[in-house]
Amino acid sequence: MTANIGAAIKRLRNVAGVKASQMASDLGISNAYLSELENNKKTMTLPLLEGYARRFGISASTIVRFAERLSENREESPNYVRAGRIVEWMLNDWESENG
């Protein structure tokens, strides 16, 4: 998986206003394990990535593309990409996938 997958899933969760404890519960993992995933200390598995995708109503590939965009924009801003741009990008991507 892409190196920024942890940053991507954490950003998605934060933008959506989902608490870490709720996300961990939704995924059936501990808070500590979620923290390790979001901080790239553990490798994201496909089942967990798909769990994230289901939680946010997007495809796993959208999350991977988002992580790649974070990598591309890393030098653009110390915070990578602002939340508004993330949401706008996700909505545009979702609309292109769903017509």
PDB file of N, CA and C in Angstrom:
ATOM      1  N   MET A   1       0.843  -1.179   0.000  1.00  0.00           N
ATOM      2  CA  MET A   1       0.000   0.000   0.000  1.00  0.00           C
ATOM      3  C   MET A   1       0.886   1.238   0.000  1.00  0.00           C
ATOM      4  N   THR A   2       0.294   2.306  -0.394  1.00  0.00           N
ATOM      5  CA  THR A   2       1.007   3.565  -0.466  1.00  0.00           C
ATOM      6  C   THR A   2       1.448   4.035   0.930  1.00  0.00           C
ATOM      7  N   ALA A   3       2.551   4.751   0.972  1.00  0.00           N
ATOM      8  CA  ALA A   3       3.137   5.162   2.239  1.00  0.00           C
ATOM      9  C   ALA A   3       2.236   6.072   3.060  1.00  0.00           C
ATOM     10  N   ASN A   4       1.389   6.839   2.420  1.00  0.00           N
ATOM     11  CA  ASN A   4       0.543   7.783   3.139  1.00  0.00           C
ATOM     12  C   ASN A   4      -0.845   7.245   3.446  1.00  0.00           C
ATOM     13  N   ILE A   5      -1.033   5.946   3.396  1.00  0.00           N
ATOM     14  CA  ILE A   5      -2.369   5.399   3.654  1.00  0.00           C
ATOM     15  C   ILE A   5      -2.823   5.740   5.074  1.00  0.00           C
ATOM     16  N   GLY A   6      -1.908   5.711   6.016  1.00  0.00           N
ATOM     17  CA  GLY A   6      -2.256   6.057   7.399  1.00  0.00           C
ATOM     18  C   GLY A   6      -2.736   7.493   7.513  1.00  0.00           C
ATOM     19  N   ALA A   7      -2.003   8.403   6.878  1.00  0.00           N
ATOM     20  CA  ALA A   7      -2.408   9.815   6.893  1.00  0.00           C
ATOM     21  C   ALA A   7      -3.755   9.990   6.211  1.00  0.00           C
ATOM     22  N   ALA A   8      -3.986   9.254   5.141  1.00  0.00           N
ATOM     23  CA  ALA A   8      -5.243   9.371   4.403  1.00  0.00           C
ATOM     24  C   ALA A   8      -6.425   8.904   5.243  1.00  0.00           C
ATOM     25  N   ILE A   9      -6.296   7.754   5.885  1.00  0.00           N
ATOM     26  CA  ILE A   9      -7.430   7.246   6.660  1.00  0.00           C
ATOM     27  C   ILE A   9      -7.691   8.109   7.890  1.00  0.00           C
ATOM     28  N   LYS A  10      -6.629   8.635   8.463  1.00  0.00           N
ATOM     29  CA  LYS A  10      -6.815   9.523   9.616  1.00  0.00           C
ATOM     30  C   LYS A  10      -7.495  10.818   9.181  1.00  0.00           C
ATOM     31  N   ARG A  11      -7.059  11.371   8.057  1.00  0.00           N
ATOM     32  CA  ARG A  11      -7.652  12.607   7.552  1.00  0.00           C
ATOM     33  C   ARG A  11      -9.131  12.387   7.228  1.00  0.00           C
ATOM     34  N   LEU A  12      -9.449  11.282   6.584  1.00  0.00           N
ATOM     35  CA  LEU A  12     -10.852  10.982   6.260  1.00  0.00           C
ATOM     36  C   LEU A  12     -11.701  10.892   7.528  1.00  0.00           C
ATOM     37  N   ARG A  13     -11.174  10.201   8.500  1.00  0.00           N
ATOM     38  CA  ARG A  13     -11.909  10.037   9.759  1.00  0.00           C
ATOM     39  C   ARG A  13     -12.128  11.385  10.434  1.00  0.00           C
ATOM     40  N   ASN A  14     -11.095  12.199  10.476  1.00  0.00           N
ATOM     41  CA  ASN A  14     -11.212  13.509  11.126  1.00  0.00           C
ATOM     42  C   ASN A  14     -12.168  14.431  10.385  1.00  0.00           C
ATOM     43  N   VAL A  15     -12.079  14.469   9.062  1.00  0.00           N
ATOM     44  CA  VAL A  15     -12.971  15.319   8.269  1.00  0.00           C
ATOM     45  C   VAL A  15     -14.420  14.889   8.464  1.00  0.00           C
ATOM     46  N   ALA A  16     -14.642  13.590   8.582  1.00  0.00           N
ATOM     47  CA  ALA A  16     -16.000  13.072   8.772  1.00  0.00           C
ATOM     48  C   ALA A  16     -16.490  13.255  10.210  1.00  0.00           C
ATOM     49  N   GLY A  17     -15.583  13.644  11.107  1.00  0.00           N
ATOM     50  CA  GLY A  17     -15.971  13.852  12.498  1.00  0.00           C
ATOM     51  C   GLY A  17     -16.197  12.573  13.270  1.00  0.00           C
ATOM     52  N   VAL A  18     -15.529  11.502  12.846  1.00  0.00           N
ATOM     53  CA  VAL A  18     -15.671  10.212  13.516  1.00  0.00           C
ATOM     54  C   VAL A  18     -14.553  10.068  14.544  1.00  0.00           C
ATOM     55  N   LYS A  19     -14.917   9.783  15.782  1.00  0.00           N
ATOM     56  CA  LYS A  19     -13.923   9.597  16.839  1.00  0.00           C
ATOM     57  C   LYS A  19     -13.153   8.299  16.608  1.00  0.00           C
ATOM     58  N   ALA A  20     -11.908   8.311  17.028  1.00  0.00           N
ATOM     59  CA  ALA A  20     -11.053   7.129  16.858  1.00  0.00           C
ATOM     60  C   ALA A  20     -11.679   5.907  17.533  1.00  0.00           C
ATOM     61  N   SER A  21     -12.233   6.099  18.709  1.00  0.00           N
ATOM     62  CA  SER A  21     -12.826   4.958  19.426  1.00  0.00           C
ATOM     63  C   SER A  21     -14.005   4.372  18.651  1.00  0.00           C
ATOM     64  N   GLN A  22     -14.799   5.228  18.014  1.00  0.00           N
ATOM     65  CA  GLN A  22     -15.929   4.740  17.217  1.00  0.00           C
ATOM     66  C   GLN A  22     -15.434   4.008  15.978  1.00  0.00           C
ATOM     67  N   MET A  23     -14.412   4.567  15.320  1.00  0.00           N
ATOM     68  CA  MET A  23     -13.864   3.927  14.116  1.00  0.00           C
ATOM     69  C   MET A  23     -13.288   2.562  14.462  1.00  0.00           C
ATOM     70  N   ALA A  24     -12.543   2.499  15.563  1.00  0.00           N
ATOM     71  CA  ALA A  24     -11.967   1.220  15.989  1.00  0.00           C
ATOM     72  C   ALA A  24     -13.077   0.201  16.249  1.00  0.00           C
ATOM     73  N   SER A  25     -14.124   0.636  16.919  1.00  0.00           N
ATOM     74  CA  SER A  25     -15.251  -0.253  17.191  1.00  0.00           C
ATOM     75  C   SER A  25     -15.901  -0.719  15.896  1.00  0.00           C
ATOM     76  N   ASP A  26     -16.116   0.214  14.958  1.00  0.00           N
ATOM     77  CA  ASP A  26     -16.719  -0.135  13.667  1.00  0.00           C
ATOM     78  C   ASP A  26     -15.889  -1.171  12.920  1.00  0.00           C
ATOM     79  N   LEU A  27     -14.566  -1.075  13.054  1.00  0.00           N
ATOM     80  CA  LEU A  27     -13.670  -1.991  12.344  1.00  0.00           C
ATOM     81  C   LEU A  27     -13.391  -3.273  13.127  1.00  0.00           C
ATOM     82  N   GLY A  28     -13.782  -3.294  14.404  1.00  0.00           N
ATOM     83  CA  GLY A  28     -13.533  -4.472  15.234  1.00  0.00           C
ATOM     84  C   GLY A  28     -12.083  -4.607  15.658  1.00  0.00           C
ATOM     85  N   ILE A  29     -11.424  -3.455  15.849  1.00  0.00           N
ATOM     86  CA  ILE A  29     -10.030  -3.460  16.282  1.00  0.00           C
ATOM     87  C   ILE A  29      -9.891  -2.572  17.516  1.00  0.00           C
ATOM     88  N   SER A  30      -8.754  -2.651  18.183  1.00  0.00           N
ATOM     89  CA  SER A  30      -8.524  -1.821  19.367  1.00  0.00           C
ATOM     90  C   SER A  30      -8.162  -0.398  18.966  1.00  0.00           C
ATOM     91  N   ASN A  31      -8.347   0.522  19.900  1.00  0.00           N
ATOM     92  CA  ASN A  31      -7.945   1.908  19.675  1.00  0.00           C
ATOM     93  C   ASN A  31      -6.448   1.998  19.391  1.00  0.00           C
ATOM     94  N   ALA A  32      -5.670   1.196  20.107  1.00  0.00           N
ATOM     95  CA  ALA A  32      -4.216   1.216  19.921  1.00  0.00           C
ATOM     96  C   ALA A  32      -3.839   0.764  18.507  1.00  0.00           C
ATOM     97  N   TYR A  33      -4.502  -0.278  18.034  1.00  0.00           N
ATOM     98  CA  TYR A  33      -4.209  -0.767  16.680  1.00  0.00           C
ATOM     99  C   TYR A  33      -4.604   0.274  15.633  1.00  0.00           C
ATOM    100  N   LEU A  34      -5.738   0.934  15.825  1.00  0.00           N
ATOM    101  CA  LEU A  34      -6.157   1.986  14.916  1.00  0.00           C
ATOM    102  C   LEU A  34      -5.115   3.104  14.878  1.00  0.00           C
ATOM    103  N   SER A  35      -4.639   3.484  16.043  1.00  0.00           N
ATOM    104  CA  SER A  35      -3.611   4.528  16.113  1.00  0.00           C
ATOM    105  C   SER A  35      -2.360   4.116  15.346  1.00  0.00           C
ATOM    106  N   GLU A  36      -1.966   2.867  15.486  1.00  0.00           N
ATOM    107  CA  GLU A  36      -0.788   2.383  14.759  1.00  0.00           C
ATOM    108  C   GLU A  36      -1.020   2.396  13.255  1.00  0.00           C
ATOM    109  N   LEU A  37      -2.225   2.050  12.816  1.00  0.00           N
ATOM    110  CA  LEU A  37      -2.552   2.112  11.385  1.00  0.00           C
ATOM    111  C   LEU A  37      -2.481   3.546  10.874  1.00  0.00           C
ATOM    112  N   GLU A  38      -3.108   4.455  11.622  1.00  0.00           N
ATOM    113  CA  GLU A  38      -3.174   5.843  11.185  1.00  0.00           C
ATOM    114  C   GLU A  38      -1.819   6.552  11.234  1.00  0.00           C
ATOM    115  N   ASN A  39      -0.903   6.018  12.002  1.00  0.00           N
ATOM    116  CA  ASN A  39       0.442   6.598  12.089  1.00  0.00           C
ATOM    117  C   ASN A  39       1.472   5.770  11.327  1.00  0.00           C
ATOM    118  N   ASN A  40       0.980   4.903  10.438  1.00  0.00           N
ATOM    119  CA  ASN A  40       1.830   4.067   9.576  1.00  0.00           C
ATOM    120  C   ASN A  40       2.816   3.194  10.350  1.00  0.00           C
ATOM    121  N   LYS A  41       2.433   2.787  11.549  1.00  0.00           N
ATOM    122  CA  LYS A  41       3.276   1.878  12.327  1.00  0.00           C
ATOM    123  C   LYS A  41       2.879   0.423  12.098  1.00  0.00           C
ATOM    124  N   LYS A  42       1.679   0.226  11.570  1.00  0.00           N
ATOM    125  CA  LYS A  42       1.189  -1.089  11.162  1.00  0.00           C
ATOM    126  C   LYS A  42       0.777  -0.997   9.706  1.00  0.00           C
ATOM    127  N   THR A  43       0.878  -2.101   9.010  1.00  0.00           N
ATOM    128  CA  THR A  43       0.501  -2.142   7.603  1.00  0.00           C
ATOM    129  C   THR A  43      -1.003  -2.327   7.475  1.00  0.00           C
ATOM    130  N   MET A  44      -1.602  -1.497   6.646  1.00  0.00           N
ATOM    131  CA  MET A  44      -3.039  -1.588   6.386  1.00  0.00           C
ATOM    132  C   MET A  44      -3.323  -2.877   5.624  1.00  0.00           C
ATOM    133  N   THR A  45      -4.341  -3.597   6.054  1.00  0.00           N
ATOM    134  CA  THR A  45      -4.762  -4.799   5.340  1.00  0.00           C
ATOM    135  C   THR A  45      -5.937  -4.440   4.432  1.00  0.00           C
ATOM    136  N   LEU A  46      -6.139  -5.233   3.419  1.00  0.00           N
ATOM    137  CA  LEU A  46      -7.250  -4.987   2.511  1.00  0.00           C
ATOM    138  C   LEU A  46      -8.603  -5.051   3.224  1.00  0.00           C
ATOM    139  N   PRO A  47      -8.838  -6.035   4.107  1.00  0.00           N
ATOM    140  CA  PRO A  47     -10.129  -6.044   4.804  1.00  0.00           C
ATOM    141  C   PRO A  47     -10.376  -4.779   5.634  1.00  0.00           C
ATOM    142  N   LEU A  48      -9.340  -4.255   6.283  1.00  0.00           N
ATOM    143  CA  LEU A  48      -9.517  -3.027   7.059  1.00  0.00           C
ATOM    144  C   LEU A  48      -9.731  -1.825   6.145  1.00  0.00           C
ATOM    145  N   LEU A  49      -9.000  -1.783   5.043  1.00  0.00           N
ATOM    146  CA  LEU A  49      -9.194  -0.693   4.088  1.00  0.00           C
ATOM    147  C   LEU A  49     -10.620  -0.716   3.540  1.00  0.00           C
ATOM    148  N   GLU A  50     -11.113  -1.902   3.243  1.00  0.00           N
ATOM    149  CA  GLU A  50     -12.488  -2.028   2.768  1.00  0.00           C
ATOM    150  C   GLU A  50     -13.487  -1.631   3.857  1.00  0.00           C
ATOM    151  N   GLY A  51     -13.147  -1.895   5.128  1.00  0.00           N
ATOM    152  CA  GLY A  51     -13.994  -1.460   6.235  1.00  0.00           C
ATOM    153  C   GLY A  51     -14.075   0.063   6.307  1.00  0.00           C
ATOM    154  N   TYR A  52     -12.935   0.714   6.142  1.00  0.00           N
ATOM    155  CA  TYR A  52     -12.925   2.181   6.078  1.00  0.00           C
ATOM    156  C   TYR A  52     -13.798   2.665   4.927  1.00  0.00           C
ATOM    157  N   ALA A  53     -13.610   2.063   3.783  1.00  0.00           N
ATOM    158  CA  ALA A  53     -14.346   2.480   2.586  1.00  0.00           C
ATOM    159  C   ALA A  53     -15.855   2.351   2.814  1.00  0.00           C
ATOM    160  N   ARG A  54     -16.284   1.227   3.357  1.00  0.00           N
ATOM    161  CA  ARG A  54     -17.709   1.036   3.646  1.00  0.00           C
ATOM    162  C   ARG A  54     -18.207   2.093   4.626  1.00  0.00           C
ATOM    163  N   ARG A  55     -17.424   2.367   5.644  1.00  0.00           N
ATOM    164  CA  ARG A  55     -17.817   3.336   6.687  1.00  0.00           C
ATOM    165  C   ARG A  55     -18.087   4.713   6.082  1.00  0.00           C
ATOM    166  N   PHE A  56     -17.285   5.088   5.069  1.00  0.00           N
ATOM    167  CA  PHE A  56     -17.411   6.414   4.476  1.00  0.00           C
ATOM    168  C   PHE A  56     -18.158   6.411   3.152  1.00  0.00           C
ATOM    169  N   GLY A  57     -18.630   5.240   2.724  1.00  0.00           N
ATOM    170  CA  GLY A  57     -19.421   5.153   1.503  1.00  0.00           C
ATOM    171  C   GLY A  57     -18.639   5.443   0.240  1.00  0.00           C
ATOM    172  N   ILE A  58     -17.362   5.079   0.240  1.00  0.00           N
ATOM    173  CA  ILE A  58     -16.502   5.265  -0.928  1.00  0.00           C
ATOM    174  C   ILE A  58     -15.800   3.955  -1.225  1.00  0.00           C
ATOM    175  N   SER A  59     -15.091   3.890  -2.334  1.00  0.00           N
ATOM    176  CA  SER A  59     -14.364   2.664  -2.674  1.00  0.00           C
ATOM    177  C   SER A  59     -12.981   2.666  -2.024  1.00  0.00           C
ATOM    178  N   ALA A  60     -12.448   1.475  -1.836  1.00  0.00           N
ATOM    179  CA  ALA A  60     -11.081   1.356  -1.311  1.00  0.00           C
ATOM    180  C   ALA A  60     -10.096   2.035  -2.255  1.00  0.00           C
ATOM    181  N   SER A  61     -10.359   1.942  -3.557  1.00  0.00           N
ATOM    182  CA  SER A  61      -9.450   2.574  -4.521  1.00  0.00           C
ATOM    183  C   SER A  61      -9.463   4.096  -4.387  1.00  0.00           C
ATOM    184  N   THR A  62     -10.593   4.664  -3.977  1.00  0.00           N
ATOM    185  CA  THR A  62     -10.657   6.105  -3.747  1.00  0.00           C
ATOM    186  C   THR A  62      -9.744   6.493  -2.591  1.00  0.00           C
ATOM    187  N   ILE A  63      -9.716   5.685  -1.549  1.00  0.00           N
ATOM    188  CA  ILE A  63      -8.832   5.964  -0.414  1.00  0.00           C
ATOM    189  C   ILE A  63      -7.375   5.877  -0.856  1.00  0.00           C
ATOM    190  N   VAL A  64      -7.054   4.872  -1.662  1.00  0.00           N
ATOM    191  CA  VAL A  64      -5.670   4.727  -2.142  1.00  0.00           C
ATOM    192  C   VAL A  64      -5.287   5.920  -3.009  1.00  0.00           C
ATOM    193  N   ARG A  65      -6.193   6.343  -3.896  1.00  0.00           N
ATOM    194  CA  ARG A  65      -5.906   7.523  -4.732  1.00  0.00           C
ATOM    195  C   ARG A  65      -5.754   8.771  -3.875  1.00  0.00           C
ATOM    196  N   PHE A  66      -6.563   8.881  -2.826  1.00  0.00           N
ATOM    197  CA  PHE A  66      -6.446  10.005  -1.906  1.00  0.00           C
ATOM    198  C   PHE A  66      -5.072   9.995  -1.233  1.00  0.00           C
ATOM    199  N   ALA A  67      -4.630   8.822  -0.794  1.00  0.00           N
ATOM    200  CA  ALA A  67      -3.310   8.705  -0.165  1.00  0.00           C
ATOM    201  C   ALA A  67      -2.207   9.113  -1.142  1.00  0.00           C
ATOM    202  N   GLU A  68      -2.369   8.729  -2.396  1.00  0.00           N
ATOM    203  CA  GLU A  68      -1.389   9.123  -3.412  1.00  0.00           C
ATOM    204  C   GLU A  68      -1.386  10.635  -3.598  1.00  0.00           C
ATOM    205  N   ARG A  69      -2.563  11.245  -3.577  1.00  0.00           N
ATOM    206  CA  ARG A  69      -2.646  12.716  -3.695  1.00  0.00           C
ATOM    207  C   ARG A  69      -1.974  13.388  -2.512  1.00  0.00           C
ATOM    208  N   LEU A  70      -2.122  12.822  -1.331  1.00  0.00           N
ATOM    209  CA  LEU A  70      -1.433  13.382  -0.173  1.00  0.00           C
ATOM    210  C   LEU A  70       0.074  13.344  -0.389  1.00  0.00           C
ATOM    211  N   SER A  71       0.556  12.242  -0.944  1.00  0.00           N
ATOM    212  CA  SER A  71       1.991  12.126  -1.218  1.00  0.00           C
ATOM    213  C   SER A  71       2.432  13.166  -2.234  1.00  0.00           C
ATOM    214  N   GLU A  72       1.641  13.357  -3.275  1.00  0.00           N
ATOM    215  CA  GLU A  72       1.970  14.320  -4.327  1.00  0.00           C
ATOM    216  C   GLU A  72       1.983  15.742  -3.793  1.00  0.00           C
ATOM    217  N   ASN A  73       1.086  16.048  -2.861  1.00  0.00           N
ATOM    218  CA  ASN A  73       0.934  17.407  -2.356  1.00  0.00           C
ATOM    219  C   ASN A  73       1.699  17.667  -1.069  1.00  0.00           C
ATOM    220  N   ARG A  74       2.514  16.739  -0.657  1.00  0.00           N
ATOM    221  CA  ARG A  74       3.213  16.868   0.616  1.00  0.00           C
ATOM    222  C   ARG A  74       4.033  18.141   0.698  1.00  0.00           C
ATOM    223  N   GLU A  75       4.714  18.496  -0.374  1.00  0.00           N
ATOM    224  CA  GLU A  75       5.555  19.686  -0.347  1.00  0.00           C
ATOM    225  C   GLU A  75       4.741  20.962  -0.528  1.00  0.00           C
ATOM    226  N   GLU A  76       3.509  20.833  -0.975  1.00  0.00           N
ATOM    227  CA  GLU A  76       2.673  21.997  -1.223  1.00  0.00           C
ATOM    228  C   GLU A  76       2.272  22.700   0.073  1.00  0.00           C
ATOM    229  N   SER A  77       2.080  21.947   1.128  1.00  0.00           N
ATOM    230  CA  SER A  77       1.600  22.505   2.383  1.00  0.00           C
ATOM    231  C   SER A  77       2.120  21.663   3.537  1.00  0.00           C
ATOM    232  N   PRO A  78       2.467  22.293   4.653  1.00  0.00           N
ATOM    233  CA  PRO A  78       2.915  21.505   5.809  1.00  0.00           C
ATOM    234  C   PRO A  78       1.840  20.547   6.306  1.00  0.00           C
ATOM    235  N   ASN A  79       0.579  20.867   6.056  1.00  0.00           N
ATOM    236  CA  ASN A  79      -0.535  20.006   6.478  1.00  0.00           C
ATOM    237  C   ASN A  79      -1.057  19.166   5.332  1.00  0.00           C
ATOM    238  N   TYR A  80      -0.256  19.015   4.288  1.00  0.00           N
ATOM    239  CA  TYR A  80      -0.604  18.310   3.068  1.00  0.00           C
ATOM    240  C   TYR A  80      -1.707  19.048   2.319  1.00  0.00           C
ATOM    241  N   VAL A  81      -2.942  18.699   2.523  1.00  0.00           N
ATOM    242  CA  VAL A  81      -4.060  19.309   1.793  1.00  0.00           C
ATOM    243  C   VAL A  81      -5.114  19.715   2.812  1.00  0.00           C
ATOM    244  N   ARG A  82      -5.649  20.887   2.679  1.00  0.00           N
ATOM    245  CA  ARG A  82      -6.656  21.346   3.635  1.00  0.00           C
ATOM    246  C   ARG A  82      -7.931  20.505   3.527  1.00  0.00           C
ATOM    247  N   ALA A  83      -8.643  20.437   4.645  1.00  0.00           N
ATOM    248  CA  ALA A  83      -9.837  19.591   4.720  1.00  0.00           C
ATOM    249  C   ALA A  83     -10.851  19.924   3.633  1.00  0.00           C
ATOM    250  N   GLY A  84     -11.056  21.179   3.340  1.00  0.00           N
ATOM    251  CA  GLY A  84     -12.016  21.556   2.301  1.00  0.00           C
ATOM    252  C   GLY A  84     -11.647  21.006   0.945  1.00  0.00           C
ATOM    253  N   ARG A  85     -10.365  21.019   0.606  1.00  0.00           N
ATOM    254  CA  ARG A  85      -9.927  20.474  -0.668  1.00  0.00           C
ATOM    255  C   ARG A  85     -10.102  18.968  -0.678  1.00  0.00           C
ATOM    256  N   ILE A  86      -9.907  18.334   0.454  1.00  0.00           N
ATOM    257  CA  ILE A  86     -10.075  16.883   0.540  1.00  0.00           C
ATOM    258  C   ILE A  86     -11.528  16.516   0.279  1.00  0.00           C
ATOM    259  N   VAL A  87     -12.420  17.195   0.958  1.00  0.00           N
ATOM    260  CA  VAL A  87     -13.838  16.893   0.793  1.00  0.00           C
ATOM    261  C   VAL A  87     -14.263  17.164  -0.644  1.00  0.00           C
ATOM    262  N   GLU A  88     -13.824  18.282  -1.207  1.00  0.00           N
ATOM    263  CA  GLU A  88     -14.161  18.602  -2.592  1.00  0.00           C
ATOM    264  C   GLU A  88     -13.648  17.518  -3.537  1.00  0.00           C
ATOM    265  N   TRP A  89     -12.420  17.077  -3.344  1.00  0.00           N
ATOM    266  CA  TRP A  89     -11.855  16.033  -4.199  1.00  0.00           C
ATOM    267  C   TRP A  89     -12.644  14.739  -4.051  1.00  0.00           C
ATOM    268  N   MET A  90     -12.982  14.379  -2.808  1.00  0.00           N
ATOM    269  CA  MET A  90     -13.710  13.131  -2.587  1.00  0.00           C
ATOM    270  C   MET A  90     -15.087  13.180  -3.239  1.00  0.00           C
ATOM    271  N   LEU A  91     -15.767  14.314  -3.110  1.00  0.00           N
ATOM    272  CA  LEU A  91     -17.088  14.427  -3.722  1.00  0.00           C
ATOM    273  C   LEU A  91     -17.001  14.347  -5.240  1.00  0.00           C
ATOM    274  N   ASN A  92     -16.023  15.000  -5.822  1.00  0.00           N
ATOM    275  CA  ASN A  92     -15.839  14.935  -7.275  1.00  0.00           C
ATOM    276  C   ASN A  92     -15.542  13.508  -7.718  1.00  0.00           C
ATOM    277  N   ASP A  93     -14.711  12.820  -6.950  1.00  0.00           N
ATOM    278  CA  ASP A  93     -14.358  11.446  -7.284  1.00  0.00           C
ATOM    279  C   ASP A  93     -15.579  10.545  -7.156  1.00  0.00           C
ATOM    280  N   TRP A  94     -16.352  10.741  -6.097  1.00  0.00           N
ATOM    281  CA  TRP A  94     -17.543   9.925  -5.890  1.00  0.00           C
ATOM    282  C   TRP A  94     -18.541  10.162  -7.029  1.00  0.00           C
ATOM    283  N   GLU A  95     -18.720  11.428  -7.419  1.00  0.00           N
ATOM    284  CA  GLU A  95     -19.648  11.720  -8.508  1.00  0.00           C
ATOM    285  C   GLU A  95     -19.207  11.106  -9.811  1.00  0.00           C
ATOM    286  N   SER A  96     -17.893  11.092 -10.078  1.00  0.00           N
ATOM    287  CA  SER A  96     -17.422  10.486 -11.327  1.00  0.00           C
ATOM    288  C   SER A  96     -17.606   8.975 -11.314  1.00  0.00           C
ATOM    289  N   GLU A  97     -17.519   8.354 -10.136  1.00  0.00           N
ATOM    290  CA  GLU A  97     -17.717   6.907 -10.026  1.00  0.00           C
ATOM    291  C   GLU A  97     -19.190   6.520 -10.074  1.00  0.00           C
ATOM    292  N   ASN A  98     -20.062   7.401  -9.603  1.00  0.00           N
ATOM    293  CA  ASN A  98     -21.472   7.076  -9.465  1.00  0.00           C
ATOM    294  C   ASN A  98     -22.385   7.804 -10.431  1.00  0.00           C
ATOM    295  N   GLY A  99     -21.790   8.560 -11.335  1.00  0.00           N
ATOM    296  CA  GLY A  99     -22.588   9.243 -12.367  1.00  0.00           C
ATOM    297  C   GLY A  99     -23.394  10.304 -11.795  1.00  0.00           C
TER     298      GLY A  99
END
